[in-house]
Amino acid sequence: FLKLSCVVLVCMVVVGAHTAEAITCGQVQ
């Protein structure tokens, strides 16, 4: 369970970091 929790946490951090860098129309404008 602890290993699974760590994997889920790492996945959330990686996905969160990627989406935080996405460009928005507001930035383009």
mmCIF file of all heavy atoms, coordinates in Angstrom:
data_MODEL
# 
_entry.id   MODEL 
# 
loop_
_atom_site.group_PDB 
_atom_site.id 
_atom_site.type_symbol 
_atom_site.label_atom_id 
_atom_site.label_alt_id 
_atom_site.label_comp_id 
_atom_site.label_asym_id 
_atom_site.label_entity_id 
_atom_site.label_seq_id 
_atom_site.pdbx_PDB_ins_code 
_atom_site.Cartn_x 
_atom_site.Cartn_y 
_atom_site.Cartn_z 
_atom_site.occupancy 
_atom_site.B_iso_or_equiv 
_atom_site.pdbx_formal_charge 
_atom_site.auth_seq_id 
_atom_site.auth_comp_id 
_atom_site.auth_asym_id 
_atom_site.auth_atom_id 
_atom_site.pdbx_PDB_model_num 
ATOM 1   N N   . PHE A 1 1  ? 0.831  -1.189 0.000   1.00 0.00 ? 1  PHE A N   1 
ATOM 2   C CA  . PHE A 1 1  ? 0.000  0.000  0.000   1.00 0.00 ? 1  PHE A CA  1 
ATOM 3   C C   . PHE A 1 1  ? 0.875  1.251  0.000   1.00 0.00 ? 1  PHE A C   1 
ATOM 4   O O   . PHE A 1 1  ? 0.591  2.207  -0.710  1.00 0.00 ? 1  PHE A O   1 
ATOM 5   C CB  . PHE A 1 1  ? -0.946 0.001  1.216   1.00 0.00 ? 1  PHE A CB  1 
ATOM 6   C CG  . PHE A 1 1  ? -1.763 1.251  1.312   1.00 0.00 ? 1  PHE A CG  1 
ATOM 7   C CD1 . PHE A 1 1  ? -2.836 1.463  0.444   1.00 0.00 ? 1  PHE A CD1 1 
ATOM 8   C CD2 . PHE A 1 1  ? -1.460 2.233  2.248   1.00 0.00 ? 1  PHE A CD2 1 
ATOM 9   C CE1 . PHE A 1 1  ? -3.584 2.625  0.521   1.00 0.00 ? 1  PHE A CE1 1 
ATOM 10  C CE2 . PHE A 1 1  ? -2.202 3.387  2.325   1.00 0.00 ? 1  PHE A CE2 1 
ATOM 11  C CZ  . PHE A 1 1  ? -3.271 3.589  1.461   1.00 0.00 ? 1  PHE A CZ  1 
ATOM 12  N N   . LEU A 1 2  ? 1.942  1.224  0.780   1.00 0.00 ? 2  LEU A N   1 
ATOM 13  C CA  . LEU A 1 2  ? 2.864  2.361  0.841   1.00 0.00 ? 2  LEU A CA  1 
ATOM 14  C C   . LEU A 1 2  ? 3.539  2.576  -0.512  1.00 0.00 ? 2  LEU A C   1 
ATOM 15  O O   . LEU A 1 2  ? 3.647  3.709  -0.982  1.00 0.00 ? 2  LEU A O   1 
ATOM 16  C CB  . LEU A 1 2  ? 3.916  2.129  1.938   1.00 0.00 ? 2  LEU A CB  1 
ATOM 17  C CG  . LEU A 1 2  ? 4.894  3.264  2.186   1.00 0.00 ? 2  LEU A CG  1 
ATOM 18  C CD1 . LEU A 1 2  ? 4.159  4.559  2.515   1.00 0.00 ? 2  LEU A CD1 1 
ATOM 19  C CD2 . LEU A 1 2  ? 5.835  2.901  3.302   1.00 0.00 ? 2  LEU A CD2 1 
ATOM 20  N N   . LYS A 1 3  ? 3.952  1.481  -1.168  1.00 0.00 ? 3  LYS A N   1 
ATOM 21  C CA  . LYS A 1 3  ? 4.575  1.594  -2.494  1.00 0.00 ? 3  LYS A CA  1 
ATOM 22  C C   . LYS A 1 3  ? 3.576  2.167  -3.503  1.00 0.00 ? 3  LYS A C   1 
ATOM 23  O O   . LYS A 1 3  ? 3.917  3.033  -4.300  1.00 0.00 ? 3  LYS A O   1 
ATOM 24  C CB  . LYS A 1 3  ? 5.072  0.229  -2.967  1.00 0.00 ? 3  LYS A CB  1 
ATOM 25  C CG  . LYS A 1 3  ? 6.313  -0.245 -2.269  1.00 0.00 ? 3  LYS A CG  1 
ATOM 26  C CD  . LYS A 1 3  ? 6.735  -1.599 -2.812  1.00 0.00 ? 3  LYS A CD  1 
ATOM 27  C CE  . LYS A 1 3  ? 7.898  -2.157 -1.996  1.00 0.00 ? 3  LYS A CE  1 
ATOM 28  N NZ  . LYS A 1 3  ? 8.295  -3.480 -2.471  1.00 0.00 ? 3  LYS A NZ  1 
ATOM 29  N N   . LEU A 1 4  ? 2.355  1.674  -3.457  1.00 0.00 ? 4  LEU A N   1 
ATOM 30  C CA  . LEU A 1 4  ? 1.327  2.162  -4.370  1.00 0.00 ? 4  LEU A CA  1 
ATOM 31  C C   . LEU A 1 4  ? 1.057  3.649  -4.125  1.00 0.00 ? 4  LEU A C   1 
ATOM 32  O O   . LEU A 1 4  ? 0.934  4.429  -5.072  1.00 0.00 ? 4  LEU A O   1 
ATOM 33  C CB  . LEU A 1 4  ? 0.037  1.358  -4.207  1.00 0.00 ? 4  LEU A CB  1 
ATOM 34  C CG  . LEU A 1 4  ? -1.139 1.798  -5.080  1.00 0.00 ? 4  LEU A CG  1 
ATOM 35  C CD1 . LEU A 1 4  ? -0.791 1.652  -6.557  1.00 0.00 ? 4  LEU A CD1 1 
ATOM 36  C CD2 . LEU A 1 4  ? -2.376 0.989  -4.741  1.00 0.00 ? 4  LEU A CD2 1 
ATOM 37  N N   . SER A 1 5  ? 1.001  4.042  -2.879  1.00 0.00 ? 5  SER A N   1 
ATOM 38  C CA  . SER A 1 5  ? 0.780  5.452  -2.543  1.00 0.00 ? 5  SER A CA  1 
ATOM 39  C C   . SER A 1 5  ? 1.905  6.322  -3.084  1.00 0.00 ? 5  SER A C   1 
ATOM 40  O O   . SER A 1 5  ? 1.667  7.412  -3.613  1.00 0.00 ? 5  SER A O   1 
ATOM 41  C CB  . SER A 1 5  ? 0.682  5.633  -1.029  1.00 0.00 ? 5  SER A CB  1 
ATOM 42  O OG  . SER A 1 5  ? -0.435 4.944  -0.531  1.00 0.00 ? 5  SER A OG  1 
ATOM 43  N N   . CYS A 1 6  ? 3.136  5.841  -2.970  1.00 0.00 ? 6  CYS A N   1 
ATOM 44  C CA  . CYS A 1 6  ? 4.287  6.593  -3.487  1.00 0.00 ? 6  CYS A CA  1 
ATOM 45  C C   . CYS A 1 6  ? 4.215  6.714  -5.005  1.00 0.00 ? 6  CYS A C   1 
ATOM 46  O O   . CYS A 1 6  ? 4.492  7.780  -5.557  1.00 0.00 ? 6  CYS A O   1 
ATOM 47  C CB  . CYS A 1 6  ? 5.594  5.924  -3.081  1.00 0.00 ? 6  CYS A CB  1 
ATOM 48  S SG  . CYS A 1 6  ? 5.971  6.129  -1.337  1.00 0.00 ? 6  CYS A SG  1 
ATOM 49  N N   . VAL A 1 7  ? 3.837  5.648  -5.690  1.00 0.00 ? 7  VAL A N   1 
ATOM 50  C CA  . VAL A 1 7  ? 3.721  5.683  -7.154  1.00 0.00 ? 7  VAL A CA  1 
ATOM 51  C C   . VAL A 1 7  ? 2.642  6.683  -7.566  1.00 0.00 ? 7  VAL A C   1 
ATOM 52  O O   . VAL A 1 7  ? 2.842  7.483  -8.482  1.00 0.00 ? 7  VAL A O   1 
ATOM 53  C CB  . VAL A 1 7  ? 3.425  4.271  -7.711  1.00 0.00 ? 7  VAL A CB  1 
ATOM 54  C CG1 . VAL A 1 7  ? 3.029  4.328  -9.174  1.00 0.00 ? 7  VAL A CG1 1 
ATOM 55  C CG2 . VAL A 1 7  ? 4.629  3.366  -7.523  1.00 0.00 ? 7  VAL A CG2 1 
ATOM 56  N N   . VAL A 1 8  ? 1.503  6.644  -6.902  1.00 0.00 ? 8  VAL A N   1 
ATOM 57  C CA  . VAL A 1 8  ? 0.419  7.571  -7.207  1.00 0.00 ? 8  VAL A CA  1 
ATOM 58  C C   . VAL A 1 8  ? 0.871  9.010  -6.970  1.00 0.00 ? 8  VAL A C   1 
ATOM 59  O O   . VAL A 1 8  ? 0.623  9.903  -7.786  1.00 0.00 ? 8  VAL A O   1 
ATOM 60  C CB  . VAL A 1 8  ? -0.845 7.240  -6.381  1.00 0.00 ? 8  VAL A CB  1 
ATOM 61  C CG1 . VAL A 1 8  ? -1.886 8.344  -6.484  1.00 0.00 ? 8  VAL A CG1 1 
ATOM 62  C CG2 . VAL A 1 8  ? -1.422 5.904  -6.819  1.00 0.00 ? 8  VAL A CG2 1 
ATOM 63  N N   . LEU A 1 9  ? 1.564  9.251  -5.877  1.00 0.00 ? 9  LEU A N   1 
ATOM 64  C CA  . LEU A 1 9  ? 2.055  10.587 -5.561  1.00 0.00 ? 9  LEU A CA  1 
ATOM 65  C C   . LEU A 1 9  ? 3.030  11.076 -6.625  1.00 0.00 ? 9  LEU A C   1 
ATOM 66  O O   . LEU A 1 9  ? 2.932  12.216 -7.096  1.00 0.00 ? 9  LEU A O   1 
ATOM 67  C CB  . LEU A 1 9  ? 2.713  10.607 -4.176  1.00 0.00 ? 9  LEU A CB  1 
ATOM 68  C CG  . LEU A 1 9  ? 3.278  11.956 -3.727  1.00 0.00 ? 9  LEU A CG  1 
ATOM 69  C CD1 . LEU A 1 9  ? 2.159  12.989 -3.639  1.00 0.00 ? 9  LEU A CD1 1 
ATOM 70  C CD2 . LEU A 1 9  ? 3.976  11.810 -2.395  1.00 0.00 ? 9  LEU A CD2 1 
ATOM 71  N N   . VAL A 1 10 ? 3.956  10.226 -7.049  1.00 0.00 ? 10 VAL A N   1 
ATOM 72  C CA  . VAL A 1 10 ? 4.922  10.603 -8.081  1.00 0.00 ? 10 VAL A CA  1 
ATOM 73  C C   . VAL A 1 10 ? 4.196  10.932 -9.383  1.00 0.00 ? 10 VAL A C   1 
ATOM 74  O O   . VAL A 1 10 ? 4.503  11.917 -10.053 1.00 0.00 ? 10 VAL A O   1 
ATOM 75  C CB  . VAL A 1 10 ? 5.985  9.494  -8.287  1.00 0.00 ? 10 VAL A CB  1 
ATOM 76  C CG1 . VAL A 1 10 ? 6.799  9.733  -9.545  1.00 0.00 ? 10 VAL A CG1 1 
ATOM 77  C CG2 . VAL A 1 10 ? 6.888  9.405  -7.069  1.00 0.00 ? 10 VAL A CG2 1 
ATOM 78  N N   . CYS A 1 11 ? 3.213  10.115 -9.753  1.00 0.00 ? 11 CYS A N   1 
ATOM 79  C CA  . CYS A 1 11 ? 2.439  10.364 -10.974 1.00 0.00 ? 11 CYS A CA  1 
ATOM 80  C C   . CYS A 1 11 ? 1.710  11.705 -10.901 1.00 0.00 ? 11 CYS A C   1 
ATOM 81  O O   . CYS A 1 11 ? 1.681  12.459 -11.873 1.00 0.00 ? 11 CYS A O   1 
ATOM 82  C CB  . CYS A 1 11 ? 1.437  9.249  -11.220 1.00 0.00 ? 11 CYS A CB  1 
ATOM 83  S SG  . CYS A 1 11 ? 2.208  7.705  -11.750 1.00 0.00 ? 11 CYS A SG  1 
ATOM 84  N N   . MET A 1 12 ? 1.156  12.012 -9.737  1.00 0.00 ? 12 MET A N   1 
ATOM 85  C CA  . MET A 1 12 ? 0.457  13.281 -9.577  1.00 0.00 ? 12 MET A CA  1 
ATOM 86  C C   . MET A 1 12 ? 1.410  14.457 -9.713  1.00 0.00 ? 12 MET A C   1 
ATOM 87  O O   . MET A 1 12 ? 1.085  15.460 -10.342 1.00 0.00 ? 12 MET A O   1 
ATOM 88  C CB  . MET A 1 12 ? -0.262 13.321 -8.218  1.00 0.00 ? 12 MET A CB  1 
ATOM 89  C CG  . MET A 1 12 ? -1.456 12.393 -8.149  1.00 0.00 ? 12 MET A CG  1 
ATOM 90  S SD  . MET A 1 12 ? -2.172 12.261 -6.497  1.00 0.00 ? 12 MET A SD  1 
ATOM 91  C CE  . MET A 1 12 ? -2.614 13.940 -6.158  1.00 0.00 ? 12 MET A CE  1 
ATOM 92  N N   . VAL A 1 13 ? 2.597  14.330 -9.170  1.00 0.00 ? 13 VAL A N   1 
ATOM 93  C CA  . VAL A 1 13 ? 3.587  15.406 -9.257  1.00 0.00 ? 13 VAL A CA  1 
ATOM 94  C C   . VAL A 1 13 ? 4.017  15.605 -10.703 1.00 0.00 ? 13 VAL A C   1 
ATOM 95  O O   . VAL A 1 13 ? 4.094  16.726 -11.200 1.00 0.00 ? 13 VAL A O   1 
ATOM 96  C CB  . VAL A 1 13 ? 4.803  15.112 -8.348  1.00 0.00 ? 13 VAL A CB  1 
ATOM 97  C CG1 . VAL A 1 13 ? 5.942  16.067 -8.645  1.00 0.00 ? 13 VAL A CG1 1 
ATOM 98  C CG2 . VAL A 1 13 ? 4.394  15.192 -6.891  1.00 0.00 ? 13 VAL A CG2 1 
ATOM 99  N N   . VAL A 1 14 ? 4.279  14.503 -11.420 1.00 0.00 ? 14 VAL A N   1 
ATOM 100 C CA  . VAL A 1 14 ? 4.707  14.601 -12.815 1.00 0.00 ? 14 VAL A CA  1 
ATOM 101 C C   . VAL A 1 14 ? 3.601  15.208 -13.671 1.00 0.00 ? 14 VAL A C   1 
ATOM 102 O O   . VAL A 1 14 ? 3.837  16.123 -14.451 1.00 0.00 ? 14 VAL A O   1 
ATOM 103 C CB  . VAL A 1 14 ? 5.130  13.215 -13.357 1.00 0.00 ? 14 VAL A CB  1 
ATOM 104 C CG1 . VAL A 1 14 ? 5.314  13.252 -14.866 1.00 0.00 ? 14 VAL A CG1 1 
ATOM 105 C CG2 . VAL A 1 14 ? 6.404  12.760 -12.675 1.00 0.00 ? 14 VAL A CG2 1 
ATOM 106 N N   . VAL A 1 15 ? 2.380  14.735 -13.532 1.00 0.00 ? 15 VAL A N   1 
ATOM 107 C CA  . VAL A 1 15 ? 1.266  15.270 -14.313 1.00 0.00 ? 15 VAL A CA  1 
ATOM 108 C C   . VAL A 1 15 ? 1.001  16.720 -13.927 1.00 0.00 ? 15 VAL A C   1 
ATOM 109 O O   . VAL A 1 15 ? 0.798  17.566 -14.784 1.00 0.00 ? 15 VAL A O   1 
ATOM 110 C CB  . VAL A 1 15 ? -0.005 14.406 -14.132 1.00 0.00 ? 15 VAL A CB  1 
ATOM 111 C CG1 . VAL A 1 15 ? -1.228 15.085 -14.719 1.00 0.00 ? 15 VAL A CG1 1 
ATOM 112 C CG2 . VAL A 1 15 ? 0.201  13.044 -14.769 1.00 0.00 ? 15 VAL A CG2 1 
ATOM 113 N N   . GLY A 1 16 ? 1.027  17.029 -12.674 1.00 0.00 ? 16 GLY A N   1 
ATOM 114 C CA  . GLY A 1 16 ? 0.811  18.400 -12.215 1.00 0.00 ? 16 GLY A CA  1 
ATOM 115 C C   . GLY A 1 16 ? 1.872  19.345 -12.728 1.00 0.00 ? 16 GLY A C   1 
ATOM 116 O O   . GLY A 1 16 ? 1.574  20.457 -13.145 1.00 0.00 ? 16 GLY A O   1 
ATOM 117 N N   . ALA A 1 17 ? 3.115  18.905 -12.760 1.00 0.00 ? 17 ALA A N   1 
ATOM 118 C CA  . ALA A 1 17 ? 4.193  19.751 -13.267 1.00 0.00 ? 17 ALA A CA  1 
ATOM 119 C C   . ALA A 1 17 ? 4.019  19.997 -14.752 1.00 0.00 ? 17 ALA A C   1 
ATOM 120 O O   . ALA A 1 17 ? 4.254  21.092 -15.247 1.00 0.00 ? 17 ALA A O   1 
ATOM 121 C CB  . ALA A 1 17 ? 5.540  19.097 -12.989 1.00 0.00 ? 17 ALA A CB  1 
ATOM 122 N N   . HIS A 1 18 ? 3.587  18.981 -15.490 1.00 0.00 ? 18 HIS A N   1 
ATOM 123 C CA  . HIS A 1 18 ? 3.408  19.146 -16.931 1.00 0.00 ? 18 HIS A CA  1 
ATOM 124 C C   . HIS A 1 18 ? 2.258  20.100 -17.235 1.00 0.00 ? 18 HIS A C   1 
ATOM 125 O O   . HIS A 1 18 ? 2.384  20.971 -18.081 1.00 0.00 ? 18 HIS A O   1 
ATOM 126 C CB  . HIS A 1 18 ? 3.161  17.791 -17.596 1.00 0.00 ? 18 HIS A CB  1 
ATOM 127 C CG  . HIS A 1 18 ? 2.906  17.913 -19.065 1.00 0.00 ? 18 HIS A CG  1 
ATOM 128 N ND1 . HIS A 1 18 ? 3.875  18.317 -19.946 1.00 0.00 ? 18 HIS A ND1 1 
ATOM 129 C CD2 . HIS A 1 18 ? 1.782  17.736 -19.794 1.00 0.00 ? 18 HIS A CD2 1 
ATOM 130 C CE1 . HIS A 1 18 ? 3.370  18.372 -21.160 1.00 0.00 ? 18 HIS A CE1 1 
ATOM 131 N NE2 . HIS A 1 18 ? 2.102  18.012 -21.092 1.00 0.00 ? 18 HIS A NE2 1 
ATOM 132 N N   . THR A 1 19 ? 1.140  19.953 -16.550 1.00 0.00 ? 19 THR A N   1 
ATOM 133 C CA  . THR A 1 19 ? -0.002 20.809 -16.844 1.00 0.00 ? 19 THR A CA  1 
ATOM 134 C C   . THR A 1 19 ? 0.245  22.235 -16.375 1.00 0.00 ? 19 THR A C   1 
ATOM 135 O O   . THR A 1 19 ? -0.313 23.155 -16.948 1.00 0.00 ? 19 THR A O   1 
ATOM 136 C CB  . THR A 1 19 ? -1.294 20.272 -16.203 1.00 0.00 ? 19 THR A CB  1 
ATOM 137 O OG1 . THR A 1 19 ? -1.110 20.145 -14.804 1.00 0.00 ? 19 THR A OG1 1 
ATOM 138 C CG2 . THR A 1 19 ? -1.694 18.954 -16.808 1.00 0.00 ? 19 THR A CG2 1 
ATOM 139 N N   . ALA A 1 20 ? 1.086  22.432 -15.386 1.00 0.00 ? 20 ALA A N   1 
ATOM 140 C CA  . ALA A 1 20 ? 1.367  23.781 -14.924 1.00 0.00 ? 20 ALA A CA  1 
ATOM 141 C C   . ALA A 1 20 ? 2.118  24.575 -15.977 1.00 0.00 ? 20 ALA A C   1 
ATOM 142 O O   . ALA A 1 20 ? 2.054  25.795 -16.000 1.00 0.00 ? 20 ALA A O   1 
ATOM 143 C CB  . ALA A 1 20 ? 2.169  23.738 -13.626 1.00 0.00 ? 20 ALA A CB  1 
ATOM 144 N N   . GLU A 1 21 ? 2.829  23.898 -16.883 1.00 0.00 ? 21 GLU A N   1 
ATOM 145 C CA  . GLU A 1 21 ? 3.596  24.585 -17.904 1.00 0.00 ? 21 GLU A CA  1 
ATOM 146 C C   . GLU A 1 21 ? 2.792  24.839 -19.169 1.00 0.00 ? 21 GLU A C   1 
ATOM 147 O O   . GLU A 1 21 ? 3.270  25.481 -20.085 1.00 0.00 ? 21 GLU A O   1 
ATOM 148 C CB  . GLU A 1 21 ? 4.842  23.764 -18.246 1.00 0.00 ? 21 GLU A CB  1 
ATOM 149 C CG  . GLU A 1 21 ? 5.825  23.694 -17.099 1.00 0.00 ? 21 GLU A CG  1 
ATOM 150 C CD  . GLU A 1 21 ? 7.039  22.861 -17.441 1.00 0.00 ? 21 GLU A CD  1 
ATOM 151 O OE1 . GLU A 1 21 ? 7.361  22.721 -18.632 1.00 0.00 ? 21 GLU A OE1 1 
ATOM 152 O OE2 . GLU A 1 21 ? 7.661  22.364 -16.515 1.00 0.00 ? 21 GLU A OE2 1 
ATOM 153 N N   . ALA A 1 22 ? 1.576  24.324 -19.256 1.00 0.00 ? 22 ALA A N   1 
ATOM 154 C CA  . ALA A 1 22 ? 0.770  24.490 -20.466 1.00 0.00 ? 22 ALA A CA  1 
ATOM 155 C C   . ALA A 1 22 ? 0.479  25.969 -20.690 1.00 0.00 ? 22 ALA A C   1 
ATOM 156 O O   . ALA A 1 22 ? 0.254  26.721 -19.754 1.00 0.00 ? 22 ALA A O   1 
ATOM 157 C CB  . ALA A 1 22 ? -0.522 23.695 -20.350 1.00 0.00 ? 22 ALA A CB  1 
ATOM 158 N N   . ILE A 1 23 ? 0.484  26.354 -21.947 1.00 0.00 ? 23 ILE A N   1 
ATOM 159 C CA  . ILE A 1 23 ? 0.221  27.746 -22.304 1.00 0.00 ? 23 ILE A CA  1 
ATOM 160 C C   . ILE A 1 23 ? -1.283 27.975 -22.364 1.00 0.00 ? 23 ILE A C   1 
ATOM 161 O O   . ILE A 1 23 ? -2.051 27.055 -22.647 1.00 0.00 ? 23 ILE A O   1 
ATOM 162 C CB  . ILE A 1 23 ? 0.914  28.081 -23.640 1.00 0.00 ? 23 ILE A CB  1 
ATOM 163 C CG1 . ILE A 1 23 ? 0.931  29.582 -23.872 1.00 0.00 ? 23 ILE A CG1 1 
ATOM 164 C CG2 . ILE A 1 23 ? 0.314  27.322 -24.784 1.00 0.00 ? 23 ILE A CG2 1 
ATOM 165 C CD1 . ILE A 1 23 ? 1.884  30.003 -24.959 1.00 0.00 ? 23 ILE A CD1 1 
ATOM 166 N N   . THR A 1 24 ? -1.709 29.187 -22.094 1.00 0.00 ? 24 THR A N   1 
ATOM 167 C CA  . THR A 1 24 ? -3.129 29.530 -22.120 1.00 0.00 ? 24 THR A CA  1 
ATOM 168 C C   . THR A 1 24 ? -3.369 30.625 -23.163 1.00 0.00 ? 24 THR A C   1 
ATOM 169 O O   . THR A 1 24 ? -2.434 31.335 -23.558 1.00 0.00 ? 24 THR A O   1 
ATOM 170 C CB  . THR A 1 24 ? -3.607 30.039 -20.752 1.00 0.00 ? 24 THR A CB  1 
ATOM 171 O OG1 . THR A 1 24 ? -2.960 31.295 -20.482 1.00 0.00 ? 24 THR A OG1 1 
ATOM 172 C CG2 . THR A 1 24 ? -3.318 29.040 -19.642 1.00 0.00 ? 24 THR A CG2 1 
ATOM 173 N N   . CYS A 1 25 ? -4.612 30.783 -23.564 1.00 0.00 ? 25 CYS A N   1 
ATOM 174 C CA  . CYS A 1 25 ? -4.950 31.861 -24.499 1.00 0.00 ? 25 CYS A CA  1 
ATOM 175 C C   . CYS A 1 25 ? -4.664 33.230 -23.881 1.00 0.00 ? 25 CYS A C   1 
ATOM 176 O O   . CYS A 1 25 ? -4.260 34.157 -24.583 1.00 0.00 ? 25 CYS A O   1 
ATOM 177 C CB  . CYS A 1 25 ? -6.414 31.765 -24.930 1.00 0.00 ? 25 CYS A CB  1 
ATOM 178 S SG  . CYS A 1 25 ? -6.698 30.514 -26.198 1.00 0.00 ? 25 CYS A SG  1 
ATOM 179 N N   . GLY A 1 26 ? -4.852 33.339 -22.589 1.00 0.00 ? 26 GLY A N   1 
ATOM 180 C CA  . GLY A 1 26 ? -4.528 34.600 -21.913 1.00 0.00 ? 26 GLY A CA  1 
ATOM 181 C C   . GLY A 1 26 ? -3.057 34.951 -22.049 1.00 0.00 ? 26 GLY A C   1 
ATOM 182 O O   . GLY A 1 26 ? -2.702 36.115 -22.265 1.00 0.00 ? 26 GLY A O   1 
ATOM 183 N N   . GLN A 1 27 ? -2.180 33.943 -21.938 1.00 0.00 ? 27 GLN A N   1 
ATOM 184 C CA  . GLN A 1 27 ? -0.754 34.179 -22.107 1.00 0.00 ? 27 GLN A CA  1 
ATOM 185 C C   . GLN A 1 27 ? -0.435 34.572 -23.545 1.00 0.00 ? 27 GLN A C   1 
ATOM 186 O O   . GLN A 1 27 ? 0.388  35.449 -23.787 1.00 0.00 ? 27 GLN A O   1 
ATOM 187 C CB  . GLN A 1 27 ? 0.045  32.936 -21.722 1.00 0.00 ? 27 GLN A CB  1 
ATOM 188 C CG  . GLN A 1 27 ? 0.031  32.643 -20.241 1.00 0.00 ? 27 GLN A CG  1 
ATOM 189 C CD  . GLN A 1 27 ? 0.604  31.268 -19.943 1.00 0.00 ? 27 GLN A CD  1 
ATOM 190 O OE1 . GLN A 1 27 ? 0.285  30.283 -20.604 1.00 0.00 ? 27 GLN A OE1 1 
ATOM 191 N NE2 . GLN A 1 27 ? 1.456  31.205 -18.933 1.00 0.00 ? 27 GLN A NE2 1 
ATOM 192 N N   . VAL A 1 28 ? -1.085 33.902 -24.494 1.00 0.00 ? 28 VAL A N   1 
ATOM 193 C CA  . VAL A 1 28 ? -0.877 34.230 -25.906 1.00 0.00 ? 28 VAL A CA  1 
ATOM 194 C C   . VAL A 1 28 ? -1.296 35.671 -26.161 1.00 0.00 ? 28 VAL A C   1 
ATOM 195 O O   . VAL A 1 28 ? -0.555 36.452 -26.781 1.00 0.00 ? 28 VAL A O   1 
ATOM 196 C CB  . VAL A 1 28 ? -1.644 33.246 -26.825 1.00 0.00 ? 28 VAL A CB  1 
ATOM 197 C CG1 . VAL A 1 28 ? -1.618 33.708 -28.276 1.00 0.00 ? 28 VAL A CG1 1 
ATOM 198 C CG2 . VAL A 1 28 ? -1.079 31.841 -26.697 1.00 0.00 ? 28 VAL A CG2 1 
ATOM 199 N N   . GLN A 1 29 ? -2.459 36.040 -25.669 1.00 0.00 ? 29 GLN A N   1 
ATOM 200 C CA  . GLN A 1 29 ? -2.963 37.398 -25.886 1.00 0.00 ? 29 GLN A CA  1 
ATOM 201 C C   . GLN A 1 29 ? -2.063 38.448 -25.257 1.00 0.00 ? 29 GLN A C   1 
ATOM 202 O O   . GLN A 1 29 ? -1.745 39.455 -25.881 1.00 0.00 ? 29 GLN A O   1 
ATOM 203 C CB  . GLN A 1 29 ? -4.383 37.525 -25.350 1.00 0.00 ? 29 GLN A CB  1 
ATOM 204 C CG  . GLN A 1 29 ? -5.391 36.749 -26.164 1.00 0.00 ? 29 GLN A CG  1 
ATOM 205 C CD  . GLN A 1 29 ? -6.757 36.687 -25.489 1.00 0.00 ? 29 GLN A CD  1 
ATOM 206 O OE1 . GLN A 1 29 ? -6.938 37.089 -24.333 1.00 0.00 ? 29 GLN A OE1 1 
ATOM 207 N NE2 . GLN A 1 29 ? -7.732 36.161 -26.213 1.00 0.00 ? 29 GLN A NE2 1 
# 
